[in-house]
PDB file of N, CA and C in Angstrom:
ATOM      1  N   UNK A   1       0.839  -1.148   0.000  1.00  0.00           N
ATOM      2  CA  UNK A   1       0.000   0.000   0.000  1.00  0.00           C
ATOM      3  C   UNK A   1       0.901   1.234   0.000  1.00  0.00           C
ATOM      4  N   UNK A   2       0.584   2.178  -0.844  1.00  0.00           N
ATOM      5  CA  UNK A   2       1.325   3.430  -0.918  1.00  0.00           C
ATOM      6  C   UNK A   2       0.393   4.554  -0.495  1.00  0.00           C
ATOM      7  N   UNK A   3       0.848   5.343   0.469  1.00  0.00           N
ATOM      8  CA  UNK A   3       0.079   6.479   0.942  1.00  0.00           C
ATOM      9  C   UNK A   3       0.810   7.764   0.602  1.00  0.00           C
ATOM     10  N   UNK A   4       0.091   8.764   0.139  1.00  0.00           N
ATOM     11  CA  UNK A   4       0.680  10.063  -0.153  1.00  0.00           C
ATOM     12  C   UNK A   4      -0.366  11.139   0.046  1.00  0.00           C
ATOM     13  N   UNK A   5       0.089  12.345   0.242  1.00  0.00           N
ATOM     14  CA  UNK A   5      -0.808  13.493   0.329  1.00  0.00           C
ATOM     15  C   UNK A   5      -0.848  14.140  -1.044  1.00  0.00           C
ATOM     16  N   UNK A   6      -2.012  14.395  -1.569  1.00  0.00           N
ATOM     17  CA  UNK A   6      -2.133  15.044  -2.867  1.00  0.00           C
ATOM     18  C   UNK A   6      -2.167  14.037  -3.999  1.00  0.00           C
ATOM     19  N   UNK A   7      -1.938  14.526  -5.216  1.00  0.00           N
ATOM     20  CA  UNK A   7      -2.048  13.678  -6.403  1.00  0.00           C
ATOM     21  C   UNK A   7      -0.711  13.132  -6.878  1.00  0.00           C
ATOM     22  N   UNK A   8       0.398  13.666  -6.384  1.00  0.00           N
ATOM     23  CA  UNK A   8       1.723  13.213  -6.817  1.00  0.00           C
ATOM     24  C   UNK A   8       2.385  12.406  -5.702  1.00  0.00           C
ATOM     25  N   UNK A   9       3.018  11.336  -6.085  1.00  0.00           N
ATOM     26  CA  UNK A   9       3.740  10.504  -5.134  1.00  0.00           C
ATOM     27  C   UNK A   9       5.095  11.143  -4.859  1.00  0.00           C
ATOM     28  N   UNK A  10       5.417  11.337  -3.600  1.00  0.00           N
ATOM     29  CA  UNK A  10       6.700  11.913  -3.223  1.00  0.00           C
ATOM     30  C   UNK A  10       7.418  10.904  -2.332  1.00  0.00           C
ATOM     31  N   UNK A  11       8.307  10.153  -2.931  1.00  0.00           N
ATOM     32  CA  UNK A  11       9.037   9.115  -2.186  1.00  0.00           C
ATOM     33  C   UNK A  11      10.289   9.711  -1.572  1.00  0.00           C
ATOM     34  N   UNK A  12      10.554   9.412  -0.312  1.00  0.00           N
ATOM     35  CA  UNK A  12      11.799   9.886   0.318  1.00  0.00           C
ATOM     36  C   UNK A  12      12.978   9.065  -0.192  1.00  0.00           C
ATOM     37  N   UNK A  13      13.668   9.562  -1.190  1.00  0.00           N
ATOM     38  CA  UNK A  13      14.735   8.835  -1.874  1.00  0.00           C
ATOM     39  C   UNK A  13      15.795   8.329  -0.895  1.00  0.00           C
ATOM     40  N   UNK A  14      16.175   9.122   0.070  1.00  0.00           N
ATOM     41  CA  UNK A  14      17.218   8.719   1.019  1.00  0.00           C
ATOM     42  C   UNK A  14      16.814   7.474   1.798  1.00  0.00           C
ATOM     43  N   UNK A  15      15.538   7.327   2.087  1.00  0.00           N
ATOM     44  CA  UNK A  15      15.070   6.170   2.837  1.00  0.00           C
ATOM     45  C   UNK A  15      14.940   4.929   1.974  1.00  0.00           C
ATOM     46  N   UNK A  16      14.877   5.099   0.660  1.00  0.00           N
ATOM     47  CA  UNK A  16      14.718   3.965  -0.247  1.00  0.00           C
ATOM     48  C   UNK A  16      16.036   3.304  -0.594  1.00  0.00           C
ATOM     49  N   UNK A  17      17.147   3.972  -0.375  1.00  0.00           N
ATOM     50  CA  UNK A  17      18.457   3.433  -0.741  1.00  0.00           C
ATOM     51  C   UNK A  17      18.878   2.293   0.156  1.00  0.00           C
ATOM     52  N   UNK A  18      19.920   1.602  -0.255  1.00  0.00           N
ATOM     53  CA  UNK A  18      20.454   0.468   0.470  1.00  0.00           C
ATOM     54  C   UNK A  18      21.209   0.912   1.718  1.00  0.00           C
ATOM     55  N   UNK A  19      21.848   2.058   1.676  1.00  0.00           N
ATOM     56  CA  UNK A  19      22.624   2.626   2.781  1.00  0.00           C
ATOM     57  C   UNK A  19      23.722   1.698   3.292  1.00  0.00           C
ATOM     58  N   UNK A  20      24.091   0.686   2.533  1.00  0.00           N
ATOM     59  CA  UNK A  20      25.152  -0.224   2.921  1.00  0.00           C
ATOM     60  C   UNK A  20      24.791  -1.199   4.030  1.00  0.00           C
ATOM     61  N   UNK A  21      23.551  -1.209   4.444  1.00  0.00           N
ATOM     62  CA  UNK A  21      23.154  -2.108   5.528  1.00  0.00           C
ATOM     63  C   UNK A  21      23.059  -3.554   5.076  1.00  0.00           C
ATOM     64  N   UNK A  22      22.619  -3.764   3.878  1.00  0.00           N
ATOM     65  CA  UNK A  22      22.450  -5.128   3.370  1.00  0.00           C
ATOM     66  C   UNK A  22      23.406  -5.377   2.227  1.00  0.00           C
ATOM     67  N   UNK A  23      23.986  -6.552   2.196  1.00  0.00           N
ATOM     68  CA  UNK A  23      24.854  -6.943   1.101  1.00  0.00           C
ATOM     69  C   UNK A  23      23.975  -7.392  -0.059  1.00  0.00           C
ATOM     70  N   UNK A  24      24.255  -6.934  -1.276  1.00  0.00           N
ATOM     71  CA  UNK A  24      23.452  -7.377  -2.421  1.00  0.00           C
ATOM     72  C   UNK A  24      23.463  -8.899  -2.543  1.00  0.00           C
ATOM     73  N   UNK A  25      22.373  -9.444  -3.032  1.00  0.00           N
ATOM     74  CA  UNK A  25      22.211 -10.893  -3.133  1.00  0.00           C
ATOM     75  C   UNK A  25      23.315 -11.516  -3.974  1.00  0.00           C
ATOM     76  N   UNK A  26      23.707 -10.873  -5.068  1.00  0.00           N
ATOM     77  CA  UNK A  26      24.728 -11.456  -5.937  1.00  0.00           C
ATOM     78  C   UNK A  26      26.070 -11.588  -5.221  1.00  0.00           C
ATOM     79  N   UNK A  27      26.389 -10.635  -4.364  1.00  0.00           N
ATOM     80  CA  UNK A  27      27.653 -10.694  -3.623  1.00  0.00           C
ATOM     81  C   UNK A  27      27.602 -11.810  -2.592  1.00  0.00           C
ATOM     82  N   UNK A  28      26.480 -11.926  -1.894  1.00  0.00           N
ATOM     83  CA  UNK A  28      26.335 -13.008  -0.907  1.00  0.00           C
ATOM     84  C   UNK A  28      26.375 -14.361  -1.594  1.00  0.00           C
ATOM     85  N   UNK A  29      25.688 -14.494  -2.731  1.00  0.00           N
ATOM     86  CA  UNK A  29      25.669 -15.760  -3.451  1.00  0.00           C
ATOM     87  C   UNK A  29      27.082 -16.147  -3.867  1.00  0.00           C
ATOM     88  N   UNK A  30      27.817 -15.171  -4.396  1.00  0.00           N
ATOM     89  CA  UNK A  30      29.177 -15.453  -4.856  1.00  0.00           C
ATOM     90  C   UNK A  30      30.069 -15.870  -3.688  1.00  0.00           C
ATOM     91  N   UNK A  31      29.932 -15.197  -2.553  1.00  0.00           N
ATOM     92  CA  UNK A  31      30.742 -15.539  -1.375  1.00  0.00           C
ATOM     93  C   UNK A  31      30.381 -16.928  -0.859  1.00  0.00           C
ATOM     94  N   UNK A  32      29.086 -17.234  -0.821  1.00  0.00           N
ATOM     95  CA  UNK A  32      28.653 -18.559  -0.371  1.00  0.00           C
ATOM     96  C   UNK A  32      29.145 -19.639  -1.322  1.00  0.00           C
ATOM     97  N   UNK A  33      29.078 -19.355  -2.614  1.00  0.00           N
ATOM     98  CA  UNK A  33      29.517 -20.315  -3.627  1.00  0.00           C
ATOM     99  C   UNK A  33      31.024 -20.555  -3.500  1.00  0.00           C
ATOM    100  N   UNK A  34      31.773 -19.484  -3.294  1.00  0.00           N
ATOM    101  CA  UNK A  34      33.218 -19.601  -3.124  1.00  0.00           C
ATOM    102  C   UNK A  34      33.534 -20.435  -1.886  1.00  0.00           C
ATOM    103  N   UNK A  35      32.850 -20.168  -0.785  1.00  0.00           N
ATOM    104  CA  UNK A  35      33.067 -20.926   0.448  1.00  0.00           C
ATOM    105  C   UNK A  35      32.778 -22.413   0.256  1.00  0.00           C
ATOM    106  N   UNK A  36      31.728 -22.719  -0.486  1.00  0.00           N
ATOM    107  CA  UNK A  36      31.374 -24.127  -0.736  1.00  0.00           C
ATOM    108  C   UNK A  36      32.448 -24.828  -1.564  1.00  0.00           C
ATOM    109  N   UNK A  37      32.948 -24.149  -2.584  1.00  0.00           N
ATOM    110  CA  UNK A  37      33.999 -24.735  -3.422  1.00  0.00           C
ATOM    111  C   UNK A  37      35.256 -24.976  -2.595  1.00  0.00           C
ATOM    112  N   UNK A  38      35.651 -23.995  -1.795  1.00  0.00           N
ATOM    113  CA  UNK A  38      36.848 -24.135  -0.959  1.00  0.00           C
ATOM    114  C   UNK A  38      36.656 -25.282   0.033  1.00  0.00           C
ATOM    115  N   UNK A  39      35.488 -25.387   0.627  1.00  0.00           N
ATOM    116  CA  UNK A  39      35.206 -26.473   1.585  1.00  0.00           C
ATOM    117  C   UNK A  39      35.357 -27.835   0.912  1.00  0.00           C
ATOM    118  N   UNK A  40      34.779 -27.974  -0.281  1.00  0.00           N
ATOM    119  CA  UNK A  40      34.869 -29.257  -0.986  1.00  0.00           C
ATOM    120  C   UNK A  40      36.296 -29.560  -1.429  1.00  0.00           C
ATOM    121  N   UNK A  41      37.036 -28.543  -1.802  1.00  0.00           N
ATOM    122  CA  UNK A  41      38.435 -28.776  -2.173  1.00  0.00           C
ATOM    123  C   UNK A  41      39.250 -29.234  -0.967  1.00  0.00           C
ATOM    124  N   UNK A  42      38.919 -28.728   0.195  1.00  0.00           N
ATOM    125  CA  UNK A  42      39.612 -29.196   1.405  1.00  0.00           C
ATOM    126  C   UNK A  42      39.260 -30.652   1.691  1.00  0.00           C
ATOM    127  N   UNK A  43      37.987 -30.983   1.545  1.00  0.00           N
ATOM    128  CA  UNK A  43      37.530 -32.354   1.801  1.00  0.00           C
ATOM    129  C   UNK A  43      38.191 -33.329   0.835  1.00  0.00           C
ATOM    130  N   UNK A  44      38.359 -32.897  -0.421  1.00  0.00           N
ATOM    131  CA  UNK A  44      38.924 -33.769  -1.451  1.00  0.00           C
ATOM    132  C   UNK A  44      40.432 -33.590  -1.607  1.00  0.00           C
ATOM    133  N   UNK A  45      41.054 -32.894  -0.668  1.00  0.00           N
ATOM    134  CA  UNK A  45      42.503 -32.635  -0.709  1.00  0.00           C
ATOM    135  C   UNK A  45      42.934 -31.958  -2.003  1.00  0.00           C
ATOM    136  N   UNK A  46      42.125 -31.025  -2.502  1.00  0.00           N
ATOM    137  CA  UNK A  46      42.449 -30.270  -3.704  1.00  0.00           C
ATOM    138  C   UNK A  46      42.120 -30.972  -5.006  1.00  0.00           C
ATOM    139  N   UNK A  47      41.508 -32.123  -4.935  1.00  0.00           N
ATOM    140  CA  UNK A  47      41.173 -32.870  -6.149  1.00  0.00           C
ATOM    141  C   UNK A  47      39.921 -32.286  -6.787  1.00  0.00           C
ATOM    142  N   UNK A  48      40.033 -31.879  -8.046  1.00  0.00           N
ATOM    143  CA  UNK A  48      38.922 -31.252  -8.757  1.00  0.00           C
ATOM    144  C   UNK A  48      38.110 -32.290  -9.517  1.00  0.00           C
ATOM    145  N   UNK A  49      38.798 -33.134 -10.320  1.00  0.00           N
ATOM    146  CA  UNK A  49      38.113 -34.093 -11.177  1.00  0.00           C
ATOM    147  C   UNK A  49      38.111 -35.493 -10.614  1.00  0.00           C
ATOM    148  N   UNK A  50      37.521 -36.382 -11.366  1.00  0.00           N
ATOM    149  CA  UNK A  50      37.460 -37.782 -10.959  1.00  0.00           C
ATOM    150  C   UNK A  50      36.224 -38.096 -10.140  1.00  0.00           C
ATOM    151  N   UNK A  51      36.044 -39.372  -9.852  1.00  0.00           N
ATOM    152  CA  UNK A  51      34.853 -39.850  -9.151  1.00  0.00           C
ATOM    153  C   UNK A  51      34.711 -39.252  -7.752  1.00  0.00           C
ATOM    154  N   UNK A  52      35.834 -39.045  -7.083  1.00  0.00           N
ATOM    155  CA  UNK A  52      35.796 -38.509  -5.725  1.00  0.00           C
ATOM    156  C   UNK A  52      36.189 -37.039  -5.653  1.00  0.00           C
ATOM    157  N   UNK A  53      36.271 -36.362  -6.803  1.00  0.00           N
ATOM    158  CA  UNK A  53      36.686 -34.963  -6.819  1.00  0.00           C
ATOM    159  C   UNK A  53      35.564 -34.013  -6.443  1.00  0.00           C
ATOM    160  N   UNK A  54      35.932 -32.757  -6.281  1.00  0.00           N
ATOM    161  CA  UNK A  54      34.986 -31.721  -5.871  1.00  0.00           C
ATOM    162  C   UNK A  54      33.882 -31.521  -6.909  1.00  0.00           C
ATOM    163  N   UNK A  55      34.217 -31.600  -8.186  1.00  0.00           N
ATOM    164  CA  UNK A  55      33.214 -31.405  -9.234  1.00  0.00           C
ATOM    165  C   UNK A  55      32.127 -32.478  -9.156  1.00  0.00           C
ATOM    166  N   UNK A  56      32.534 -33.720  -8.967  1.00  0.00           N
ATOM    167  CA  UNK A  56      31.561 -34.810  -8.866  1.00  0.00           C
ATOM    168  C   UNK A  56      30.666 -34.627  -7.643  1.00  0.00           C
ATOM    169  N   UNK A  57      31.240 -34.171  -6.556  1.00  0.00           N
ATOM    170  CA  UNK A  57      30.454 -33.945  -5.338  1.00  0.00           C
ATOM    171  C   UNK A  57      29.465 -32.802  -5.515  1.00  0.00           C
ATOM    172  N   UNK A  58      29.798 -31.845  -6.394  1.00  0.00           N
ATOM    173  CA  UNK A  58      28.891 -30.729  -6.662  1.00  0.00           C
ATOM    174  C   UNK A  58      27.885 -31.071  -7.756  1.00  0.00           C
ATOM    175  N   UNK A  59      28.147 -32.166  -8.467  1.00  0.00           N
ATOM    176  CA  UNK A  59      27.242 -32.555  -9.547  1.00  0.00           C
ATOM    177  C   UNK A  59      27.429 -31.735 -10.811  1.00  0.00           C
ATOM    178  N   UNK A  60      28.660 -31.246 -11.036  1.00  0.00           N
ATOM    179  CA  UNK A  60      28.953 -30.464 -12.232  1.00  0.00           C
ATOM    180  C   UNK A  60      30.176 -31.048 -12.931  1.00  0.00           C
ATOM    181  N   UNK A  61      30.400 -30.609 -14.168  1.00  0.00           N
ATOM    182  CA  UNK A  61      31.574 -31.063 -14.912  1.00  0.00           C
ATOM    183  C   UNK A  61      32.845 -30.450 -14.335  1.00  0.00           C
ATOM    184  N   UNK A  62      33.938 -31.160 -14.498  1.00  0.00           N
ATOM    185  CA  UNK A  62      35.242 -30.699 -14.020  1.00  0.00           C
ATOM    186  C   UNK A  62      35.592 -29.359 -14.638  1.00  0.00           C
ATOM    187  N   UNK A  63      35.349 -29.214 -15.938  1.00  0.00           N
ATOM    188  CA  UNK A  63      35.692 -27.970 -16.625  1.00  0.00           C
ATOM    189  C   UNK A  63      34.853 -26.792 -16.120  1.00  0.00           C
ATOM    190  N   UNK A  64      33.616 -27.063 -15.750  1.00  0.00           N
ATOM    191  CA  UNK A  64      32.757 -26.015 -15.201  1.00  0.00           C
ATOM    192  C   UNK A  64      33.304 -25.542 -13.862  1.00  0.00           C
ATOM    193  N   UNK A  65      33.705 -26.488 -13.027  1.00  0.00           N
ATOM    194  CA  UNK A  65      34.265 -26.130 -11.731  1.00  0.00           C
ATOM    195  C   UNK A  65      35.570 -25.354 -11.900  1.00  0.00           C
ATOM    196  N   UNK A  66      36.397 -25.773 -12.822  1.00  0.00           N
ATOM    197  CA  UNK A  66      37.661 -25.072 -13.061  1.00  0.00           C
ATOM    198  C   UNK A  66      37.398 -23.631 -13.487  1.00  0.00           C
ATOM    199  N   UNK A  67      36.424 -23.402 -14.371  1.00  0.00           N
ATOM    200  CA  UNK A  67      36.147 -22.034 -14.809  1.00  0.00           C
ATOM    201  C   UNK A  67      35.563 -21.206 -13.667  1.00  0.00           C
ATOM    202  N   UNK A  68      34.738 -21.805 -12.818  1.00  0.00           N
ATOM    203  CA  UNK A  68      34.203 -21.078 -11.657  1.00  0.00           C
ATOM    204  C   UNK A  68      35.325 -20.724 -10.687  1.00  0.00           C
ATOM    205  N   UNK A  69      36.254 -21.644 -10.508  1.00  0.00           N
ATOM    206  CA  UNK A  69      37.386 -21.388  -9.620  1.00  0.00           C
ATOM    207  C   UNK A  69      38.220 -20.217 -10.152  1.00  0.00           C
ATOM    208  N   UNK A  70      38.440 -20.176 -11.458  1.00  0.00           N
ATOM    209  CA  UNK A  70      39.197 -19.073 -12.052  1.00  0.00           C
ATOM    210  C   UNK A  70      38.459 -17.763 -11.852  1.00  0.00           C
ATOM    211  N   UNK A  71      37.153 -17.769 -12.079  1.00  0.00           N
ATOM    212  CA  UNK A  71      36.342 -16.554 -11.935  1.00  0.00           C
ATOM    213  C   UNK A  71      36.364 -16.040 -10.497  1.00  0.00           C
ATOM    214  N   UNK A  72      36.363 -16.969  -9.526  1.00  0.00           N
ATOM    215  CA  UNK A  72      36.338 -16.600  -8.120  1.00  0.00           C
ATOM    216  C   UNK A  72      37.732 -16.443  -7.516  1.00  0.00           C
ATOM    217  N   UNK A  73      38.776 -16.706  -8.303  1.00  0.00           N
ATOM    218  CA  UNK A  73      40.150 -16.537  -7.829  1.00  0.00           C
ATOM    219  C   UNK A  73      40.579 -17.612  -6.848  1.00  0.00           C
ATOM    220  N   UNK A  74      40.108 -18.837  -7.057  1.00  0.00           N
ATOM    221  CA  UNK A  74      40.451 -19.950  -6.149  1.00  0.00           C
ATOM    222  C   UNK A  74      41.557 -20.764  -6.791  1.00  0.00           C
ATOM    223  N   UNK A  75      42.648 -20.938  -6.059  1.00  0.00           N
ATOM    224  CA  UNK A  75      43.767 -21.761  -6.525  1.00  0.00           C
ATOM    225  C   UNK A  75      43.797 -23.020  -5.664  1.00  0.00           C
ATOM    226  N   UNK A  76      43.528 -24.172  -6.261  1.00  0.00           N
ATOM    227  CA  UNK A  76      43.433 -25.415  -5.493  1.00  0.00           C
ATOM    228  C   UNK A  76      44.737 -25.780  -4.818  1.00  0.00           C
ATOM    229  N   UNK A  77      45.849 -25.311  -5.356  1.00  0.00           N
ATOM    230  CA  UNK A  77      47.155 -25.617  -4.764  1.00  0.00           C
ATOM    231  C   UNK A  77      47.372 -24.890  -3.450  1.00  0.00           C
ATOM    232  N   UNK A  78      46.613 -23.812  -3.229  1.00  0.00           N
ATOM    233  CA  UNK A  78      46.754 -23.035  -1.994  1.00  0.00           C
ATOM    234  C   UNK A  78      45.738 -23.446  -0.929  1.00  0.00           C
ATOM    235  N   UNK A  79      44.921 -24.443  -1.237  1.00  0.00           N
ATOM    236  CA  UNK A  79      43.930 -24.941  -0.291  1.00  0.00           C
ATOM    237  C   UNK A  79      44.619 -25.961   0.611  1.00  0.00           C
ATOM    238  N   UNK A  80      44.494 -25.788   1.911  1.00  0.00           N
ATOM    239  CA  UNK A  80      45.129 -26.759   2.824  1.00  0.00           C
ATOM    240  C   UNK A  80      44.098 -27.494   3.625  1.00  0.00           C
TER     241      UNK A  80
END
């Protein structure tokens, strides 16, 4: 419901902004996705492909996981 006085809607722009209180969904999704990949790489001792690799555990192709890792800046060799 929108309430206003008169015939024109006057929205308080300052109150409608994000004001930095909430992280955008895309940033949270990317951070969560990165955390999940890193967690699986730790579980698999850095193994990306194969039956017991991180890609298989995620249900995606090895090449897809590799490209996501590159996009997110994840180096499997630095995972301990």
